[in-house]
Amino acid sequence: MRLPWGTGISSTLVQDGQPFAGARGNALIMASSPYTAECIACGTILNPVLEEYASGPALVARYSQHRQGKAERGEEVAAAAEEGDRAAIDIVTSAGKALGNSVGFLVNVLDPEAIVVGGGLGSSRGLYWDSFVASTRAHIWAENSRSLPILPAAMGADSGLVGAAATVFTRQDESAHL
């Protein structure tokens, strides 16, 4: 399973070296739908959208509520967390936990051999990566799947772009043979 995250968050199940887009092409979008839950303590209805909470722009927006104008990119918020900024630490840790929750769910449903992570934020290491990996493993139900490899993509920050371009190229090549 490929997982690029940065400006946005997506996922792709890869089967026999080919991305699986699903029946309508929507299997490539992990983080756009809301997860509705009701707080059992107070009854508040929550509708968080992962991409609005854990993507690069979301980190910047959340961080700007505490430190106006101090970051323009998610990587800057992650760097501030590494430097000990308490607000950035809380934001980055909570984003990693939320992303890990969703990826753990995908692992439970899809049972992939490995998770390959790329994109701008996905290529960064440190607190965001550590929080994401720990949360992913904590949300995997099957004991024999918790140790699956979670690896950085060889193309790093460009992995999502390269994968999308390869998919378009492959589809054009296939349609040319019809």
C-alpha atoms as a PDB file:
ATOM      1  CA  MET A   1       0.000   0.000   0.000  1.00  0.00           C
ATOM      2  CA  ARG A   2       1.351   3.426  -0.936  1.00  0.00           C
ATOM      3  CA  LEU A   3       0.599   6.412   1.265  1.00  0.00           C
ATOM      4  CA  PRO A   4       1.692   9.881   0.098  1.00  0.00           C
ATOM      5  CA  TRP A   5       0.864  12.760   2.415  1.00  0.00           C
ATOM      6  CA  GLY A   6       1.742  16.425   2.451  1.00  0.00           C
ATOM      7  CA  THR A   7      -0.588  18.983   0.871  1.00  0.00           C
ATOM      8  CA  GLY A   8      -3.175  16.202   0.759  1.00  0.00           C
ATOM      9  CA  ILE A   9      -3.439  12.624   1.960  1.00  0.00           C
ATOM     10  CA  SER A  10      -4.118   9.653  -0.267  1.00  0.00           C
ATOM     11  CA  SER A  11      -3.572   5.930  -0.350  1.00  0.00           C
ATOM     12  CA  THR A  12      -3.220   3.353  -3.065  1.00  0.00           C
ATOM     13  CA  LEU A  13      -3.461  -0.393  -2.813  1.00  0.00           C
ATOM     14  CA  VAL A  14      -0.885  -1.867  -5.178  1.00  0.00           C
ATOM     15  CA  GLN A  15      -1.559  -5.335  -6.573  1.00  0.00           C
ATOM     16  CA  ASP A  16       0.980  -7.077  -8.806  1.00  0.00           C
ATOM     17  CA  GLY A  17       2.844  -3.796  -9.176  1.00  0.00           C
ATOM     18  CA  GLN A  18      -0.231  -1.893 -10.367  1.00  0.00           C
ATOM     19  CA  PRO A  19      -2.307   0.658  -8.447  1.00  0.00           C
ATOM     20  CA  PHE A  20      -5.843  -0.509  -7.742  1.00  0.00           C
ATOM     21  CA  ALA A  21      -8.232   2.406  -8.169  1.00  0.00           C
ATOM     22  CA  GLY A  22     -11.457   0.535  -7.448  1.00  0.00           C
ATOM     23  CA  ALA A  23     -14.603   0.222  -9.558  1.00  0.00           C
ATOM     24  CA  ARG A  24     -15.065   4.009  -9.972  1.00  0.00           C
ATOM     25  CA  GLY A  25     -11.545   5.301  -9.285  1.00  0.00           C
ATOM     26  CA  ASN A  26     -12.308   6.332  -5.717  1.00  0.00           C
ATOM     27  CA  ALA A  27     -10.070   3.831  -3.923  1.00  0.00           C
ATOM     28  CA  LEU A  28      -7.248   6.369  -4.205  1.00  0.00           C
ATOM     29  CA  ILE A  29      -8.793   8.906  -1.820  1.00  0.00           C
ATOM     30  CA  MET A  30      -8.393   8.114   1.864  1.00  0.00           C
ATOM     31  CA  ALA A  31      -8.739  11.367   3.711  1.00  0.00           C
ATOM     32  CA  SER A  32     -11.616  13.335   2.225  1.00  0.00           C
ATOM     33  CA  SER A  33     -14.677  11.829   3.857  1.00  0.00           C
ATOM     34  CA  PRO A  34     -15.813  12.885   7.315  1.00  0.00           C
ATOM     35  CA  TYR A  35     -15.779  10.449  10.178  1.00  0.00           C
ATOM     36  CA  THR A  36     -18.880  11.188  12.226  1.00  0.00           C
ATOM     37  CA  ALA A  37     -18.838  10.313  15.900  1.00  0.00           C
ATOM     38  CA  GLU A  38     -20.772  11.344  18.969  1.00  0.00           C
ATOM     39  CA  CYS A  39     -18.913  12.147  22.185  1.00  0.00           C
ATOM     40  CA  ILE A  40     -20.183   9.706  24.798  1.00  0.00           C
ATOM     41  CA  ALA A  41     -19.502  12.197  27.593  1.00  0.00           C
ATOM     42  CA  CYS A  42     -21.316  15.292  26.290  1.00  0.00           C
ATOM     43  CA  GLY A  43     -23.203  14.228  23.150  1.00  0.00           C
ATOM     44  CA  THR A  44     -21.374  16.624  20.819  1.00  0.00           C
ATOM     45  CA  ILE A  45     -21.417  15.413  17.225  1.00  0.00           C
ATOM     46  CA  LEU A  46     -17.967  15.525  15.667  1.00  0.00           C
ATOM     47  CA  ASN A  47     -17.357  15.444  11.907  1.00  0.00           C
ATOM     48  CA  PRO A  48     -13.574  15.541  11.529  1.00  0.00           C
ATOM     49  CA  VAL A  49     -12.082  15.155   8.062  1.00  0.00           C
ATOM     50  CA  LEU A  50      -8.583  13.654   8.226  1.00  0.00           C
ATOM     51  CA  GLU A  51      -7.183  15.880   5.486  1.00  0.00           C
ATOM     52  CA  GLU A  52      -8.444  18.978   7.331  1.00  0.00           C
ATOM     53  CA  TYR A  53      -6.640  17.801  10.459  1.00  0.00           C
ATOM     54  CA  ALA A  54      -3.408  16.064   9.442  1.00  0.00           C
ATOM     55  CA  SER A  55      -2.329  17.392   6.010  1.00  0.00           C
ATOM     56  CA  GLY A  56       0.300  20.108   5.567  1.00  0.00           C
ATOM     57  CA  PRO A  57      -2.211  22.958   5.143  1.00  0.00           C
ATOM     58  CA  ALA A  58      -4.152  21.667   8.160  1.00  0.00           C
ATOM     59  CA  LEU A  59      -1.021  21.729  10.327  1.00  0.00           C
ATOM     60  CA  VAL A  60      -0.358  25.315   9.236  1.00  0.00           C
ATOM     61  CA  ALA A  61      -3.960  26.376   9.929  1.00  0.00           C
ATOM     62  CA  ARG A  62      -3.984  24.730  13.349  1.00  0.00           C
ATOM     63  CA  TYR A  63      -0.551  26.133  14.228  1.00  0.00           C
ATOM     64  CA  SER A  64      -1.553  29.640  13.080  1.00  0.00           C
ATOM     65  CA  GLN A  65      -4.236  29.656  15.780  1.00  0.00           C
ATOM     66  CA  HIS A  66      -1.349  29.649  18.284  1.00  0.00           C
ATOM     67  CA  ARG A  67       1.511  31.317  16.418  1.00  0.00           C
ATOM     68  CA  GLN A  68       0.206  33.734  13.745  1.00  0.00           C
ATOM     69  CA  GLY A  69       2.308  33.794  10.589  1.00  0.00           C
ATOM     70  CA  LYS A  70       5.048  31.525  11.913  1.00  0.00           C
ATOM     71  CA  ALA A  71       4.601  28.757   9.308  1.00  0.00           C
ATOM     72  CA  GLU A  72       3.604  28.512   5.674  1.00  0.00           C
ATOM     73  CA  ARG A  73       4.165  24.771   5.185  1.00  0.00           C
ATOM     74  CA  GLY A  74       3.448  21.681   7.238  1.00  0.00           C
ATOM     75  CA  GLU A  75       7.153  20.826   7.242  1.00  0.00           C
ATOM     76  CA  GLU A  76       7.786  24.099   9.107  1.00  0.00           C
ATOM     77  CA  VAL A  77       5.313  23.087  11.816  1.00  0.00           C
ATOM     78  CA  ALA A  78       7.029  19.689  12.058  1.00  0.00           C
ATOM     79  CA  ALA A  79      10.400  21.471  12.366  1.00  0.00           C
ATOM     80  CA  ALA A  80       9.024  23.726  15.119  1.00  0.00           C
ATOM     81  CA  ALA A  81       7.898  20.603  16.979  1.00  0.00           C
ATOM     82  CA  GLU A  82      11.411  19.155  16.695  1.00  0.00           C
ATOM     83  CA  GLU A  83      12.740  22.417  18.167  1.00  0.00           C
ATOM     84  CA  GLY A  84      10.467  22.026  21.202  1.00  0.00           C
ATOM     85  CA  ASP A  85       7.579  24.400  20.394  1.00  0.00           C
ATOM     86  CA  ARG A  86       4.781  23.040  22.630  1.00  0.00           C
ATOM     87  CA  ALA A  87       1.913  24.048  20.324  1.00  0.00           C
ATOM     88  CA  ALA A  88       3.661  22.457  17.339  1.00  0.00           C
ATOM     89  CA  ILE A  89       4.393  19.300  19.352  1.00  0.00           C
ATOM     90  CA  ASP A  90       0.720  18.909  20.266  1.00  0.00           C
ATOM     91  CA  ILE A  91      -0.463  19.564  16.699  1.00  0.00           C
ATOM     92  CA  VAL A  92       2.071  17.257  15.051  1.00  0.00           C
ATOM     93  CA  THR A  93       1.509  14.469  17.571  1.00  0.00           C
ATOM     94  CA  SER A  94      -2.282  14.621  17.248  1.00  0.00           C
ATOM     95  CA  ALA A  95      -2.014  14.674  13.433  1.00  0.00           C
ATOM     96  CA  GLY A  96       0.259  11.621  13.443  1.00  0.00           C
ATOM     97  CA  LYS A  97      -2.144   9.796  15.754  1.00  0.00           C
ATOM     98  CA  ALA A  98      -5.151  10.629  13.552  1.00  0.00           C
ATOM     99  CA  LEU A  99      -3.358   9.531  10.389  1.00  0.00           C
ATOM    100  CA  GLY A 100      -2.182   6.323  12.078  1.00  0.00           C
ATOM    101  CA  ASN A 101      -5.739   5.568  13.155  1.00  0.00           C
ATOM    102  CA  SER A 102      -6.922   5.727   9.533  1.00  0.00           C
ATOM    103  CA  VAL A 103      -3.965   3.803   8.128  1.00  0.00           C
ATOM    104  CA  GLY A 104      -4.362   1.141  10.812  1.00  0.00           C
ATOM    105  CA  PHE A 105      -7.964   0.724   9.690  1.00  0.00           C
ATOM    106  CA  LEU A 106      -6.824   0.292   6.073  1.00  0.00           C
ATOM    107  CA  VAL A 107      -4.314  -2.329   7.185  1.00  0.00           C
ATOM    108  CA  ASN A 108      -7.098  -4.175   9.009  1.00  0.00           C
ATOM    109  CA  VAL A 109      -9.290  -4.170   5.902  1.00  0.00           C
ATOM    110  CA  LEU A 110      -6.699  -4.644   3.138  1.00  0.00           C
ATOM    111  CA  ASP A 111      -3.933  -6.654   4.890  1.00  0.00           C
ATOM    112  CA  PRO A 112      -1.073  -5.225   2.784  1.00  0.00           C
ATOM    113  CA  GLU A 113       2.468  -6.622   2.722  1.00  0.00           C
ATOM    114  CA  ALA A 114       3.931  -3.214   3.557  1.00  0.00           C
ATOM    115  CA  ILE A 115       3.137   0.496   3.735  1.00  0.00           C
ATOM    116  CA  VAL A 116       5.333   2.752   1.607  1.00  0.00           C
ATOM    117  CA  VAL A 117       5.113   6.380   2.729  1.00  0.00           C
ATOM    118  CA  GLY A 118       6.009   9.421   0.634  1.00  0.00           C
ATOM    119  CA  GLY A 119       4.997  13.001   0.050  1.00  0.00           C
ATOM    120  CA  GLY A 120       6.377  16.116   1.713  1.00  0.00           C
ATOM    121  CA  LEU A 121       5.295  15.324   5.267  1.00  0.00           C
ATOM    122  CA  GLY A 122       5.495  11.576   4.728  1.00  0.00           C
ATOM    123  CA  SER A 123       9.175  11.953   3.862  1.00  0.00           C
ATOM    124  CA  SER A 124       9.984  13.862   7.021  1.00  0.00           C
ATOM    125  CA  ARG A 125      11.142  11.962  10.028  1.00  0.00           C
ATOM    126  CA  GLY A 126      10.937  12.846  13.682  1.00  0.00           C
ATOM    127  CA  LEU A 127       7.867  13.377  15.825  1.00  0.00           C
ATOM    128  CA  TYR A 128       5.238  13.247  13.044  1.00  0.00           C
ATOM    129  CA  TRP A 129       6.676  10.005  11.645  1.00  0.00           C
ATOM    130  CA  ASP A 130       7.085   8.444  15.098  1.00  0.00           C
ATOM    131  CA  SER A 131       3.548   9.398  16.162  1.00  0.00           C
ATOM    132  CA  PHE A 132       2.113   8.099  12.873  1.00  0.00           C
ATOM    133  CA  VAL A 133       3.950   4.752  13.035  1.00  0.00           C
ATOM    134  CA  ALA A 134       3.092   4.146  16.712  1.00  0.00           C
ATOM    135  CA  SER A 135      -0.566   4.997  16.111  1.00  0.00           C
ATOM    136  CA  THR A 136      -0.757   2.827  12.990  1.00  0.00           C
ATOM    137  CA  ARG A 137       0.632  -0.169  14.871  1.00  0.00           C
ATOM    138  CA  ALA A 138      -1.667   0.490  17.861  1.00  0.00           C
ATOM    139  CA  HIS A 139      -4.757   0.448  15.597  1.00  0.00           C
ATOM    140  CA  ILE A 140      -3.916  -2.813  13.814  1.00  0.00           C
ATOM    141  CA  TRP A 141      -6.076  -5.589  15.232  1.00  0.00           C
ATOM    142  CA  ALA A 142      -4.160  -8.678  14.098  1.00  0.00           C
ATOM    143  CA  GLU A 143      -1.007  -9.328  16.085  1.00  0.00           C
ATOM    144  CA  ASN A 144       0.728 -10.875  13.062  1.00  0.00           C
ATOM    145  CA  SER A 145       0.205  -7.640  11.069  1.00  0.00           C
ATOM    146  CA  ARG A 146       1.477  -5.120  13.636  1.00  0.00           C
ATOM    147  CA  SER A 147       5.078  -5.553  12.578  1.00  0.00           C
ATOM    148  CA  LEU A 148       4.457  -5.056   8.847  1.00  0.00           C
ATOM    149  CA  PRO A 149       7.098  -2.855   7.238  1.00  0.00           C
ATOM    150  CA  ILE A 150       6.356   0.878   7.177  1.00  0.00           C
ATOM    151  CA  LEU A 151       8.938   2.258   4.774  1.00  0.00           C
ATOM    152  CA  PRO A 152       9.875   5.622   3.259  1.00  0.00           C
ATOM    153  CA  ALA A 153       9.222   5.886  -0.492  1.00  0.00           C
ATOM    154  CA  ALA A 154      12.304   5.904  -2.702  1.00  0.00           C
ATOM    155  CA  MET A 155      10.985   9.019  -4.481  1.00  0.00           C
ATOM    156  CA  GLY A 156      10.420  10.817  -1.172  1.00  0.00           C
ATOM    157  CA  ALA A 157       8.405  14.006  -1.448  1.00  0.00           C
ATOM    158  CA  ASP A 158       7.748  13.405  -5.166  1.00  0.00           C
ATOM    159  CA  SER A 159       6.382   9.868  -4.750  1.00  0.00           C
ATOM    160  CA  GLY A 160       2.699  10.828  -5.062  1.00  0.00           C
ATOM    161  CA  LEU A 161       3.362  12.902  -8.183  1.00  0.00           C
ATOM    162  CA  VAL A 162       5.482  10.168  -9.774  1.00  0.00           C
ATOM    163  CA  GLY A 163       2.837   7.533  -8.973  1.00  0.00           C
ATOM    164  CA  ALA A 164       0.050   9.668 -10.450  1.00  0.00           C
ATOM    165  CA  ALA A 165       2.078  10.332 -13.603  1.00  0.00           C
ATOM    166  CA  ALA A 166       2.865   6.626 -13.969  1.00  0.00           C
ATOM    167  CA  THR A 167      -0.829   5.786 -13.632  1.00  0.00           C
ATOM    168  CA  VAL A 168      -1.801   8.293 -16.337  1.00  0.00           C
ATOM    169  CA  PHE A 169       0.967   7.027 -18.625  1.00  0.00           C
ATOM    170  CA  THR A 170      -0.100   3.397 -18.098  1.00  0.00           C
ATOM    171  CA  ARG A 171      -3.760   4.183 -18.796  1.00  0.00           C
ATOM    172  CA  GLN A 172      -2.896   6.091 -21.966  1.00  0.00           C
ATOM    173  CA  ASP A 173      -0.712   3.219 -23.130  1.00  0.00           C
ATOM    174  CA  GLU A 174      -3.504   0.697 -22.406  1.00  0.00           C
ATOM    175  CA  SER A 175      -6.132   2.777 -24.247  1.00  0.00           C
ATOM    176  CA  ALA A 176      -3.808   3.110 -27.266  1.00  0.00           C
ATOM    177  CA  HIS A 177      -3.852  -0.682 -27.592  1.00  0.00           C
ATOM    178  CA  LEU A 178      -7.656  -0.934 -27.641  1.00  0.00           C
END
